[in-house]
Amino acid sequence: MPDFRGLLSDALWDISLVDFLGVVGTLSGPSPFERLATHLNAGNAEHAATVTSFAEAYRQEARGAADFGAREGLSIIFEMGRRHGQSPPEKFAESESLEGQIAGLIAGVLMSRDHRTQLPMLHVMTCIHANIRLNRARQFKPNDFYDFNHAAAALPYCDALLTERSLADLTKRTNTALAKTYACRVTADLDEAVSIVQQLAVNSGVPVL
């Protein structure tokens, strides 16, 4: 049986953050990340009254992440079918029904504390966005999305994440404990960063100057 979870994870790893959040447009005018920040800030302001806890913020963000994952998952399933000589459904309703089932599956994984780390990139991004939604004074900025993408890629798979202070704080919040969950050392302090790199080099047998 094909490894759907592995194929989906590979797809999530390769996709750009712009595609991840469904924001597309021409290269003229504001950058995609500027438009994305404006879009998210407006949405957060509109729905601020519905977010009263991290659990609720996470639930809403997980639903959006699941919808994205379902679209990618459906593409993977159709491609797997083509490789086995099967054509995708011709009727839109059939595709929509299958996409809904996949979204439900992904949302269920993200909402389960025992299983959400099986989709680590989505979990990290969901946690970060949920925490920002809780802080009504915090506005998304275009440069945030580079940092968030780096964190989503680094935390589950790397030994260390050297970043700026606000993102380091987001990864260490007690309501998510992302750095602890993935055993990734996170710092925004230059001296500590040097120390971490030296330790990693020693542990890997790389000569330290």
N, C-alpha and C. Protein backbone atom coordinates (compact mmCIF):
# COMPACT_ATOMS: atom_id res chain seq x y z
N MET A 1 0.85 -1.21 0.00
CA MET A 1 0.00 0.00 0.00
C MET A 1 0.88 1.24 0.00
N PRO A 2 0.61 2.22 -0.85
CA PRO A 2 1.45 3.43 -0.91
C PRO A 2 1.46 4.16 0.42
N ASP A 3 2.57 4.76 0.74
CA ASP A 3 2.71 5.52 1.99
C ASP A 3 2.16 6.93 1.78
N PHE A 4 0.85 7.10 2.00
CA PHE A 4 0.21 8.40 1.77
C PHE A 4 0.82 9.46 2.66
N ARG A 5 1.06 9.12 3.94
CA ARG A 5 1.60 10.12 4.86
C ARG A 5 2.97 10.61 4.40
N GLY A 6 3.80 9.69 3.91
CA GLY A 6 5.12 10.09 3.44
C GLY A 6 5.04 10.96 2.21
N LEU A 7 4.15 10.60 1.29
CA LEU A 7 3.98 11.40 0.08
C LEU A 7 3.46 12.79 0.41
N LEU A 8 2.52 12.86 1.35
CA LEU A 8 1.97 14.16 1.74
C LEU A 8 3.03 15.01 2.41
N SER A 9 3.84 14.40 3.28
CA SER A 9 4.91 15.14 3.94
C SER A 9 5.91 15.69 2.93
N ASP A 10 6.25 14.86 1.91
CA ASP A 10 7.17 15.33 0.88
C ASP A 10 6.58 16.53 0.14
N ALA A 11 5.28 16.47 -0.12
CA ALA A 11 4.64 17.58 -0.85
C ALA A 11 4.64 18.84 -0.01
N LEU A 12 4.38 18.70 1.30
CA LEU A 12 4.37 19.86 2.18
C LEU A 12 5.76 20.47 2.29
N TRP A 13 6.78 19.63 2.24
CA TRP A 13 8.15 20.12 2.34
C TRP A 13 8.52 20.96 1.13
N ASP A 14 8.06 20.54 -0.06
CA ASP A 14 8.46 21.19 -1.30
C ASP A 14 7.65 22.44 -1.62
N ILE A 15 6.44 22.56 -1.08
CA ILE A 15 5.59 23.66 -1.51
C ILE A 15 6.04 24.97 -0.89
N SER A 16 5.85 26.06 -1.62
CA SER A 16 6.23 27.37 -1.11
C SER A 16 5.20 27.85 -0.10
N LEU A 17 5.60 28.80 0.76
CA LEU A 17 4.68 29.32 1.76
C LEU A 17 3.54 30.07 1.10
N VAL A 18 3.82 30.74 -0.03
CA VAL A 18 2.74 31.45 -0.73
C VAL A 18 1.65 30.47 -1.15
N ASP A 19 2.06 29.34 -1.74
CA ASP A 19 1.08 28.32 -2.12
C ASP A 19 0.44 27.70 -0.89
N PHE A 20 1.24 27.53 0.16
CA PHE A 20 0.75 26.93 1.41
C PHE A 20 -0.47 27.69 1.92
N LEU A 21 -0.47 28.98 1.83
CA LEU A 21 -1.56 29.79 2.35
C LEU A 21 -2.53 30.22 1.26
N GLY A 22 -2.37 29.68 0.06
CA GLY A 22 -3.32 29.93 -0.99
C GLY A 22 -3.33 31.35 -1.51
N VAL A 23 -2.22 32.03 -1.40
CA VAL A 23 -2.15 33.41 -1.87
C VAL A 23 -1.34 33.44 -3.15
N VAL A 24 -1.98 33.80 -4.24
CA VAL A 24 -1.29 33.88 -5.53
C VAL A 24 -1.60 35.22 -6.16
N GLY A 25 -0.78 35.61 -7.07
CA GLY A 25 -1.02 36.89 -7.73
C GLY A 25 0.12 37.19 -8.69
N THR A 26 0.03 38.33 -9.34
CA THR A 26 1.09 38.73 -10.26
C THR A 26 2.25 39.31 -9.48
N LEU A 27 3.36 39.49 -10.18
CA LEU A 27 4.55 40.04 -9.54
C LEU A 27 4.51 41.55 -9.46
N SER A 28 3.55 42.17 -10.12
CA SER A 28 3.46 43.62 -10.08
C SER A 28 2.76 44.05 -8.81
N GLY A 29 2.99 45.31 -8.41
CA GLY A 29 2.34 45.82 -7.20
C GLY A 29 2.99 45.26 -5.95
N PRO A 30 2.23 45.23 -4.84
CA PRO A 30 2.79 44.73 -3.57
C PRO A 30 3.29 43.30 -3.70
N SER A 31 4.30 42.95 -2.92
CA SER A 31 4.83 41.59 -2.96
C SER A 31 3.78 40.63 -2.43
N PRO A 32 3.88 39.32 -2.78
CA PRO A 32 2.91 38.34 -2.26
C PRO A 32 2.85 38.35 -0.73
N PHE A 33 3.99 38.51 -0.07
CA PHE A 33 3.98 38.50 1.39
C PHE A 33 3.33 39.76 1.96
N GLU A 34 3.43 40.88 1.25
CA GLU A 34 2.73 42.09 1.71
C GLU A 34 1.23 41.89 1.62
N ARG A 35 0.79 41.31 0.51
CA ARG A 35 -0.64 41.04 0.36
C ARG A 35 -1.10 40.02 1.39
N LEU A 36 -0.26 39.02 1.63
CA LEU A 36 -0.60 37.99 2.61
C LEU A 36 -0.74 38.58 4.01
N ALA A 37 0.20 39.44 4.40
CA ALA A 37 0.14 40.07 5.72
C ALA A 37 -1.12 40.91 5.86
N THR A 38 -1.44 41.68 4.84
CA THR A 38 -2.65 42.50 4.87
C THR A 38 -3.90 41.63 5.00
N HIS A 39 -3.93 40.56 4.24
CA HIS A 39 -5.08 39.64 4.26
C HIS A 39 -5.26 39.01 5.64
N LEU A 40 -4.17 38.52 6.22
CA LEU A 40 -4.26 37.87 7.52
C LEU A 40 -4.60 38.85 8.63
N ASN A 41 -4.02 40.03 8.59
CA ASN A 41 -4.32 41.03 9.62
C ASN A 41 -5.80 41.43 9.58
N ALA A 42 -6.34 41.58 8.38
CA ALA A 42 -7.75 41.93 8.26
C ALA A 42 -8.63 40.80 8.78
N GLY A 43 -8.27 39.57 8.45
CA GLY A 43 -9.05 38.43 8.93
C GLY A 43 -8.99 38.27 10.43
N ASN A 44 -7.81 38.47 10.99
CA ASN A 44 -7.66 38.36 12.44
C ASN A 44 -8.48 39.42 13.17
N ALA A 45 -8.49 40.64 12.62
CA ALA A 45 -9.27 41.71 13.24
C ALA A 45 -10.76 41.40 13.17
N GLU A 46 -11.18 40.86 12.04
CA GLU A 46 -12.60 40.57 11.84
C GLU A 46 -13.10 39.48 12.79
N HIS A 47 -12.25 38.49 13.05
CA HIS A 47 -12.67 37.33 13.85
C HIS A 47 -12.06 37.34 15.27
N ALA A 48 -11.53 38.47 15.69
CA ALA A 48 -10.85 38.53 16.99
C ALA A 48 -11.75 38.09 18.14
N ALA A 49 -13.02 38.44 18.07
CA ALA A 49 -13.94 38.12 19.17
C ALA A 49 -14.16 36.63 19.33
N THR A 50 -13.87 35.84 18.31
CA THR A 50 -14.10 34.39 18.39
C THR A 50 -12.91 33.64 18.98
N VAL A 51 -11.80 34.36 19.19
CA VAL A 51 -10.59 33.71 19.71
C VAL A 51 -10.34 34.18 21.14
N THR A 52 -10.64 33.32 22.09
CA THR A 52 -10.49 33.68 23.51
C THR A 52 -9.48 32.81 24.23
N SER A 53 -8.91 31.82 23.53
CA SER A 53 -7.93 30.93 24.16
C SER A 53 -7.02 30.36 23.08
N PHE A 54 -5.87 29.84 23.52
CA PHE A 54 -4.97 29.23 22.55
C PHE A 54 -5.63 28.01 21.91
N ALA A 55 -6.37 27.24 22.70
CA ALA A 55 -7.02 26.04 22.15
C ALA A 55 -7.97 26.39 21.02
N GLU A 56 -8.72 27.49 21.17
CA GLU A 56 -9.65 27.89 20.13
C GLU A 56 -8.89 28.42 18.91
N ALA A 57 -7.84 29.21 19.16
CA ALA A 57 -7.04 29.72 18.05
C ALA A 57 -6.41 28.56 17.28
N TYR A 58 -5.89 27.56 18.01
CA TYR A 58 -5.27 26.41 17.35
C TYR A 58 -6.32 25.66 16.53
N ARG A 59 -7.52 25.50 17.08
CA ARG A 59 -8.56 24.76 16.37
C ARG A 59 -8.89 25.44 15.05
N GLN A 60 -9.03 26.76 15.07
CA GLN A 60 -9.36 27.49 13.85
C GLN A 60 -8.22 27.42 12.84
N GLU A 61 -6.99 27.57 13.32
CA GLU A 61 -5.84 27.50 12.41
C GLU A 61 -5.67 26.08 11.86
N ALA A 62 -5.94 25.07 12.69
CA ALA A 62 -5.81 23.68 12.24
C ALA A 62 -6.81 23.39 11.12
N ARG A 63 -7.98 23.98 11.21
CA ARG A 63 -8.99 23.78 10.18
C ARG A 63 -8.49 24.32 8.84
N GLY A 64 -7.87 25.52 8.88
CA GLY A 64 -7.32 26.09 7.65
C GLY A 64 -6.17 25.26 7.11
N ALA A 65 -5.30 24.79 8.01
CA ALA A 65 -4.18 23.94 7.59
C ALA A 65 -4.68 22.64 6.98
N ALA A 66 -5.76 22.10 7.55
CA ALA A 66 -6.32 20.84 7.04
C ALA A 66 -6.89 21.03 5.63
N ASP A 67 -7.52 22.17 5.40
CA ASP A 67 -8.07 22.44 4.07
C ASP A 67 -6.94 22.49 3.03
N PHE A 68 -5.83 23.15 3.42
CA PHE A 68 -4.68 23.18 2.51
C PHE A 68 -4.14 21.77 2.28
N GLY A 69 -3.93 21.04 3.37
CA GLY A 69 -3.38 19.69 3.25
C GLY A 69 -4.27 18.78 2.41
N ALA A 70 -5.58 18.99 2.52
CA ALA A 70 -6.51 18.17 1.75
C ALA A 70 -6.35 18.40 0.25
N ARG A 71 -6.18 19.67 -0.14
CA ARG A 71 -5.98 19.95 -1.56
C ARG A 71 -4.73 19.28 -2.08
N GLU A 72 -3.64 19.37 -1.28
CA GLU A 72 -2.40 18.72 -1.70
C GLU A 72 -2.55 17.20 -1.68
N GLY A 73 -3.23 16.69 -0.64
CA GLY A 73 -3.43 15.25 -0.53
C GLY A 73 -4.23 14.69 -1.68
N LEU A 74 -5.24 15.45 -2.12
CA LEU A 74 -6.06 15.00 -3.23
C LEU A 74 -5.23 14.91 -4.51
N SER A 75 -4.36 15.89 -4.72
CA SER A 75 -3.47 15.85 -5.89
C SER A 75 -2.58 14.62 -5.86
N ILE A 76 -2.09 14.28 -4.65
CA ILE A 76 -1.23 13.10 -4.50
C ILE A 76 -1.99 11.83 -4.81
N ILE A 77 -3.22 11.74 -4.28
CA ILE A 77 -4.03 10.54 -4.52
C ILE A 77 -4.33 10.37 -6.01
N PHE A 78 -4.66 11.47 -6.69
CA PHE A 78 -4.95 11.39 -8.12
C PHE A 78 -3.70 10.96 -8.89
N GLU A 79 -2.55 11.48 -8.49
CA GLU A 79 -1.30 11.10 -9.16
C GLU A 79 -0.99 9.62 -8.92
N MET A 80 -1.23 9.16 -7.69
CA MET A 80 -1.03 7.73 -7.41
C MET A 80 -1.96 6.89 -8.26
N GLY A 81 -3.21 7.36 -8.41
CA GLY A 81 -4.16 6.62 -9.24
C GLY A 81 -3.73 6.55 -10.69
N ARG A 82 -3.21 7.66 -11.22
CA ARG A 82 -2.75 7.68 -12.61
C ARG A 82 -1.62 6.68 -12.82
N ARG A 83 -0.74 6.57 -11.83
CA ARG A 83 0.38 5.63 -11.95
C ARG A 83 -0.11 4.18 -11.97
N HIS A 84 -1.32 3.96 -11.43
CA HIS A 84 -1.89 2.61 -11.42
C HIS A 84 -2.99 2.47 -12.48
N GLY A 85 -3.01 3.43 -13.43
CA GLY A 85 -3.95 3.32 -14.53
C GLY A 85 -5.37 3.74 -14.23
N GLN A 86 -5.57 4.50 -13.16
CA GLN A 86 -6.91 4.95 -12.78
C GLN A 86 -7.04 6.45 -13.02
N SER A 87 -8.14 6.85 -13.62
CA SER A 87 -8.38 8.26 -13.88
C SER A 87 -9.07 8.90 -12.67
N PRO A 88 -8.79 10.17 -12.42
CA PRO A 88 -9.46 10.86 -11.31
C PRO A 88 -10.94 11.04 -11.62
N PRO A 89 -11.77 11.27 -10.59
CA PRO A 89 -13.21 11.45 -10.81
C PRO A 89 -13.48 12.60 -11.77
N GLU A 90 -14.45 12.39 -12.66
CA GLU A 90 -14.81 13.44 -13.60
C GLU A 90 -15.76 14.45 -12.96
N LYS A 91 -16.54 14.02 -11.99
CA LYS A 91 -17.52 14.89 -11.36
C LYS A 91 -16.87 15.68 -10.22
N PHE A 92 -17.13 16.97 -10.21
CA PHE A 92 -16.57 17.83 -9.17
C PHE A 92 -17.04 17.40 -7.79
N ALA A 93 -18.29 16.97 -7.68
CA ALA A 93 -18.85 16.60 -6.38
C ALA A 93 -18.08 15.45 -5.75
N GLU A 94 -17.63 14.50 -6.59
CA GLU A 94 -16.87 13.37 -6.07
C GLU A 94 -15.53 13.83 -5.52
N SER A 95 -14.85 14.71 -6.25
CA SER A 95 -13.57 15.24 -5.79
C SER A 95 -13.76 16.05 -4.52
N GLU A 96 -14.82 16.85 -4.48
CA GLU A 96 -15.08 17.68 -3.30
C GLU A 96 -15.34 16.81 -2.08
N SER A 97 -16.06 15.71 -2.26
CA SER A 97 -16.35 14.81 -1.14
C SER A 97 -15.07 14.17 -0.61
N LEU A 98 -14.19 13.72 -1.53
CA LEU A 98 -12.93 13.10 -1.12
C LEU A 98 -12.03 14.12 -0.43
N GLU A 99 -12.00 15.36 -0.94
CA GLU A 99 -11.20 16.40 -0.32
C GLU A 99 -11.68 16.67 1.10
N GLY A 100 -12.99 16.65 1.30
CA GLY A 100 -13.54 16.85 2.63
C GLY A 100 -13.13 15.75 3.59
N GLN A 101 -13.10 14.52 3.11
CA GLN A 101 -12.68 13.39 3.94
C GLN A 101 -11.22 13.53 4.36
N ILE A 102 -10.37 13.93 3.42
CA ILE A 102 -8.95 14.10 3.72
C ILE A 102 -8.76 15.24 4.71
N ALA A 103 -9.50 16.35 4.52
CA ALA A 103 -9.42 17.48 5.45
C ALA A 103 -9.80 17.04 6.86
N GLY A 104 -10.84 16.22 6.96
CA GLY A 104 -11.26 15.72 8.27
C GLY A 104 -10.18 14.87 8.91
N LEU A 105 -9.50 14.05 8.11
CA LEU A 105 -8.43 13.21 8.62
C LEU A 105 -7.27 14.05 9.14
N ILE A 106 -6.85 15.05 8.35
CA ILE A 106 -5.73 15.90 8.76
C ILE A 106 -6.09 16.71 10.00
N ALA A 107 -7.30 17.26 10.03
CA ALA A 107 -7.74 18.02 11.20
C ALA A 107 -7.74 17.13 12.43
N GLY A 108 -8.17 15.88 12.27
CA GLY A 108 -8.17 14.95 13.40
C GLY A 108 -6.77 14.69 13.92
N VAL A 109 -5.79 14.58 13.01
CA VAL A 109 -4.40 14.38 13.42
C VAL A 109 -3.89 15.60 14.18
N LEU A 110 -4.15 16.79 13.64
CA LEU A 110 -3.66 18.01 14.28
C LEU A 110 -4.30 18.25 15.64
N MET A 111 -5.56 17.84 15.79
CA MET A 111 -6.25 18.09 17.05
C MET A 111 -5.96 17.03 18.10
N SER A 112 -5.26 15.97 17.73
CA SER A 112 -4.89 14.92 18.68
C SER A 112 -3.47 15.17 19.20
N ARG A 113 -3.33 15.38 20.49
CA ARG A 113 -2.00 15.63 21.06
C ARG A 113 -1.06 14.45 20.84
N ASP A 114 -1.62 13.26 20.71
CA ASP A 114 -0.78 12.07 20.54
C ASP A 114 -0.27 11.92 19.11
N HIS A 115 -0.92 12.58 18.14
CA HIS A 115 -0.60 12.33 16.75
C HIS A 115 -0.23 13.55 15.94
N ARG A 116 -0.43 14.78 16.49
CA ARG A 116 -0.26 15.98 15.66
C ARG A 116 1.17 16.15 15.15
N THR A 117 2.16 15.61 15.86
CA THR A 117 3.54 15.76 15.40
C THR A 117 3.85 14.85 14.21
N GLN A 118 2.88 14.05 13.79
CA GLN A 118 3.07 13.27 12.57
C GLN A 118 3.00 14.16 11.33
N LEU A 119 2.47 15.35 11.51
CA LEU A 119 2.48 16.36 10.45
C LEU A 119 3.19 17.59 11.01
N PRO A 120 4.50 17.49 11.23
CA PRO A 120 5.20 18.52 11.99
C PRO A 120 5.19 19.90 11.37
N MET A 121 5.33 20.00 10.05
CA MET A 121 5.36 21.32 9.44
C MET A 121 4.04 22.04 9.66
N LEU A 122 2.94 21.33 9.44
CA LEU A 122 1.63 21.94 9.66
C LEU A 122 1.41 22.28 11.13
N HIS A 123 1.88 21.41 12.01
CA HIS A 123 1.71 21.67 13.45
C HIS A 123 2.47 22.91 13.89
N VAL A 124 3.72 23.04 13.46
CA VAL A 124 4.52 24.21 13.83
C VAL A 124 3.86 25.48 13.31
N MET A 125 3.48 25.49 12.03
CA MET A 125 2.87 26.68 11.46
C MET A 125 1.55 27.02 12.15
N THR A 126 0.79 25.99 12.49
CA THR A 126 -0.49 26.21 13.17
C THR A 126 -0.26 26.82 14.54
N CYS A 127 0.73 26.33 15.27
CA CYS A 127 1.04 26.87 16.60
C CYS A 127 1.47 28.34 16.53
N ILE A 128 2.33 28.64 15.59
CA ILE A 128 2.83 30.01 15.47
C ILE A 128 1.70 30.98 15.13
N HIS A 129 0.89 30.60 14.17
CA HIS A 129 -0.21 31.48 13.78
C HIS A 129 -1.24 31.61 14.90
N ALA A 130 -1.48 30.53 15.62
CA ALA A 130 -2.45 30.59 16.72
C ALA A 130 -1.97 31.55 17.81
N ASN A 131 -0.70 31.51 18.13
CA ASN A 131 -0.17 32.42 19.16
C ASN A 131 -0.21 33.87 18.71
N ILE A 132 0.04 34.11 17.44
CA ILE A 132 -0.03 35.49 16.95
C ILE A 132 -1.46 35.99 16.98
N ARG A 133 -2.41 35.13 16.67
CA ARG A 133 -3.82 35.55 16.72
C ARG A 133 -4.24 35.92 18.13
N LEU A 134 -3.65 35.27 19.13
CA LEU A 134 -3.98 35.58 20.52
C LEU A 134 -3.49 36.96 20.93
N ASN A 135 -2.41 37.41 20.32
CA ASN A 135 -1.83 38.72 20.64
C ASN A 135 -2.41 39.76 19.68
N ARG A 136 -3.47 40.42 20.09
CA ARG A 136 -4.19 41.31 19.18
C ARG A 136 -3.37 42.55 18.82
N ALA A 137 -2.36 42.83 19.59
CA ALA A 137 -1.50 43.97 19.26
C ALA A 137 -0.46 43.61 18.22
N ARG A 138 -0.31 42.32 17.95
CA ARG A 138 0.72 41.83 17.01
C ARG A 138 0.16 41.77 15.60
N GLN A 139 0.80 42.45 14.68
CA GLN A 139 0.41 42.43 13.28
C GLN A 139 1.41 41.60 12.48
N PHE A 140 0.90 40.85 11.52
CA PHE A 140 1.79 40.14 10.61
C PHE A 140 2.55 41.15 9.75
N LYS A 141 3.84 40.88 9.54
CA LYS A 141 4.68 41.68 8.67
C LYS A 141 5.20 40.79 7.54
N PRO A 142 5.45 41.36 6.37
CA PRO A 142 5.89 40.54 5.24
C PRO A 142 7.09 39.65 5.57
N ASN A 143 8.05 40.17 6.33
CA ASN A 143 9.24 39.37 6.64
C ASN A 143 8.97 38.20 7.58
N ASP A 144 7.84 38.23 8.28
CA ASP A 144 7.50 37.14 9.20
C ASP A 144 7.48 35.80 8.50
N PHE A 145 6.99 35.77 7.28
CA PHE A 145 6.71 34.50 6.64
C PHE A 145 7.97 33.74 6.25
N TYR A 146 9.05 34.47 5.99
CA TYR A 146 10.34 33.79 5.80
C TYR A 146 10.74 33.09 7.09
N ASP A 147 10.60 33.81 8.21
CA ASP A 147 10.98 33.24 9.50
C ASP A 147 10.11 32.03 9.86
N PHE A 148 8.80 32.15 9.62
CA PHE A 148 7.89 31.06 9.97
C PHE A 148 8.20 29.81 9.14
N ASN A 149 8.51 30.03 7.87
CA ASN A 149 8.83 28.89 7.01
C ASN A 149 10.12 28.21 7.47
N HIS A 150 11.10 29.02 7.86
CA HIS A 150 12.35 28.46 8.38
C HIS A 150 12.09 27.64 9.65
N ALA A 151 11.26 28.19 10.54
CA ALA A 151 10.96 27.49 11.79
C ALA A 151 10.24 26.17 11.53
N ALA A 152 9.27 26.19 10.61
CA ALA A 152 8.51 24.98 10.31
C ALA A 152 9.39 23.89 9.72
N ALA A 153 10.40 24.30 8.95
CA ALA A 153 11.32 23.33 8.36
C ALA A 153 12.39 22.88 9.34
N ALA A 154 12.85 23.80 10.21
CA ALA A 154 13.99 23.50 11.07
C ALA A 154 13.62 22.77 12.35
N LEU A 155 12.56 23.18 13.01
CA LEU A 155 12.26 22.62 14.34
C LEU A 155 12.14 21.10 14.34
N PRO A 156 11.40 20.49 13.42
CA PRO A 156 11.25 19.04 13.48
C PRO A 156 12.46 18.25 12.98
N TYR A 157 13.34 18.90 12.20
CA TYR A 157 14.36 18.14 11.49
C TYR A 157 15.80 18.55 11.80
N CYS A 158 15.99 19.66 12.50
CA CYS A 158 17.35 20.15 12.74
C CYS A 158 17.68 20.16 14.23
N ASP A 159 18.97 20.17 14.52
CA ASP A 159 19.43 20.19 15.90
C ASP A 159 19.32 21.58 16.52
N ALA A 160 19.33 22.62 15.70
CA ALA A 160 19.31 23.98 16.23
C ALA A 160 18.64 24.92 15.24
N LEU A 161 18.03 25.96 15.80
CA LEU A 161 17.45 27.04 15.01
C LEU A 161 17.98 28.35 15.59
N LEU A 162 18.78 29.06 14.79
CA LEU A 162 19.34 30.34 15.20
C LEU A 162 18.52 31.42 14.52
N THR A 163 17.82 32.21 15.32
CA THR A 163 16.83 33.11 14.73
C THR A 163 16.78 34.42 15.50
N GLU A 164 15.75 35.22 15.25
CA GLU A 164 15.61 36.48 15.98
C GLU A 164 14.72 36.26 17.20
N ARG A 165 14.71 37.24 18.10
CA ARG A 165 14.16 37.05 19.44
C ARG A 165 12.67 36.71 19.45
N SER A 166 11.87 37.41 18.65
CA SER A 166 10.43 37.18 18.72
C SER A 166 10.05 35.77 18.26
N LEU A 167 10.73 35.26 17.24
CA LEU A 167 10.44 33.91 16.78
C LEU A 167 10.94 32.88 17.80
N ALA A 168 12.10 33.14 18.39
CA ALA A 168 12.60 32.23 19.43
C ALA A 168 11.59 32.13 20.57
N ASP A 169 10.99 33.27 20.92
CA ASP A 169 9.98 33.28 21.97
C ASP A 169 8.76 32.46 21.57
N LEU A 170 8.32 32.57 20.33
CA LEU A 170 7.16 31.82 19.87
C LEU A 170 7.40 30.31 19.93
N THR A 171 8.62 29.87 19.70
CA THR A 171 8.91 28.43 19.71
C THR A 171 9.03 27.88 21.13
N LYS A 172 9.18 28.78 22.11
CA LYS A 172 9.38 28.33 23.49
C LYS A 172 8.16 28.56 24.38
N ARG A 173 7.08 29.06 23.81
CA ARG A 173 5.87 29.30 24.61
C ARG A 173 5.43 28.00 25.28
N THR A 174 4.98 28.12 26.52
CA THR A 174 4.58 26.92 27.26
C THR A 174 3.35 26.26 26.67
N ASN A 175 2.53 27.01 25.94
CA ASN A 175 1.32 26.40 25.37
C ASN A 175 1.62 25.56 24.13
N THR A 176 2.85 25.65 23.62
CA THR A 176 3.23 24.82 22.48
C THR A 176 4.50 24.01 22.73
N ALA A 177 5.47 24.61 23.41
CA ALA A 177 6.74 23.94 23.71
C ALA A 177 7.34 23.30 22.46
N LEU A 178 7.35 24.04 21.36
CA LEU A 178 7.83 23.47 20.10
C LEU A 178 9.29 23.07 20.15
N ALA A 179 10.13 23.95 20.71
CA ALA A 179 11.56 23.64 20.78
C ALA A 179 11.79 22.37 21.59
N LYS A 180 11.05 22.23 22.69
CA LYS A 180 11.18 21.05 23.56
C LYS A 180 10.62 19.81 22.88
N THR A 181 9.48 19.95 22.23
CA THR A 181 8.83 18.82 21.57
C THR A 181 9.74 18.17 20.55
N TYR A 182 10.44 19.00 19.78
CA TYR A 182 11.27 18.48 18.69
C TYR A 182 12.76 18.41 19.06
N ALA A 183 13.06 18.68 20.34
CA ALA A 183 14.45 18.61 20.82
C ALA A 183 15.38 19.44 19.94
N CYS A 184 14.92 20.64 19.61
CA CYS A 184 15.70 21.55 18.79
C CYS A 184 16.13 22.74 19.65
N ARG A 185 17.41 23.02 19.67
CA ARG A 185 17.91 24.15 20.46
C ARG A 185 17.69 25.45 19.70
N VAL A 186 16.97 26.36 20.33
CA VAL A 186 16.59 27.62 19.68
C VAL A 186 17.16 28.79 20.47
N THR A 187 17.78 29.72 19.77
CA THR A 187 18.33 30.89 20.45
C THR A 187 18.38 32.09 19.50
N ALA A 188 18.28 33.26 20.12
CA ALA A 188 18.49 34.51 19.39
C ALA A 188 19.71 35.24 19.93
N ASP A 189 20.41 34.60 20.85
CA ASP A 189 21.59 35.20 21.48
C ASP A 189 22.85 34.78 20.71
N LEU A 190 23.67 35.74 20.33
CA LEU A 190 24.83 35.46 19.50
C LEU A 190 25.83 34.55 20.21
N ASP A 191 26.15 34.83 21.47
CA ASP A 191 27.11 34.01 22.19
C ASP A 191 26.61 32.57 22.34
N GLU A 192 25.33 32.43 22.65
CA GLU A 192 24.77 31.09 22.78
C GLU A 192 24.77 30.37 21.43
N ALA A 193 24.51 31.11 20.36
CA ALA A 193 24.52 30.51 19.03
C ALA A 193 25.90 29.95 18.69
N VAL A 194 26.94 30.71 19.02
CA VAL A 194 28.30 30.24 18.78
C VAL A 194 28.58 28.99 19.58
N SER A 195 28.15 28.99 20.82
CA SER A 195 28.36 27.82 21.68
C SER A 195 27.65 26.59 21.13
N ILE A 196 26.41 26.77 20.67
CA ILE A 196 25.64 25.66 20.11
C ILE A 196 26.32 25.09 18.87
N VAL A 197 26.77 25.95 17.99
CA VAL A 197 27.43 25.50 16.77
C VAL A 197 28.73 24.76 17.10
N GLN A 198 29.47 25.27 18.07
CA GLN A 198 30.71 24.59 18.47
C GLN A 198 30.41 23.20 19.04
N GLN A 199 29.36 23.10 19.87
CA GLN A 199 28.98 21.81 20.44
C GLN A 199 28.59 20.83 19.36
N LEU A 200 27.77 21.29 18.42
CA LEU A 200 27.34 20.43 17.33
C LEU A 200 28.52 19.96 16.50
N ALA A 201 29.49 20.85 16.29
CA ALA A 201 30.68 20.48 15.52
C ALA A 201 31.48 19.41 16.25
N VAL A 202 31.65 19.59 17.55
CA VAL A 202 32.39 18.61 18.35
C VAL A 202 31.68 17.25 18.32
N ASN A 203 30.36 17.28 18.50
CA ASN A 203 29.60 16.02 18.50
C ASN A 203 29.64 15.32 17.16
N SER A 204 29.86 16.10 16.10
CA SER A 204 29.92 15.52 14.76
C SER A 204 31.34 15.16 14.33
N GLY A 205 32.31 15.47 15.19
CA GLY A 205 33.69 15.17 14.87
C GLY A 205 34.32 16.17 13.92
N VAL A 206 33.71 17.37 13.82
CA VAL A 206 34.26 18.41 12.94
C VAL A 206 35.24 19.26 13.75
N PRO A 207 36.44 19.50 13.24
CA PRO A 207 37.40 20.34 13.97
C PRO A 207 36.85 21.74 14.22
N VAL A 208 37.04 22.24 15.44
CA VAL A 208 36.58 23.57 15.80
C VAL A 208 37.76 24.50 15.84
N LEU A 209 37.67 25.61 15.13
CA LEU A 209 38.79 26.57 15.09
C LEU A 209 38.85 27.34 16.38
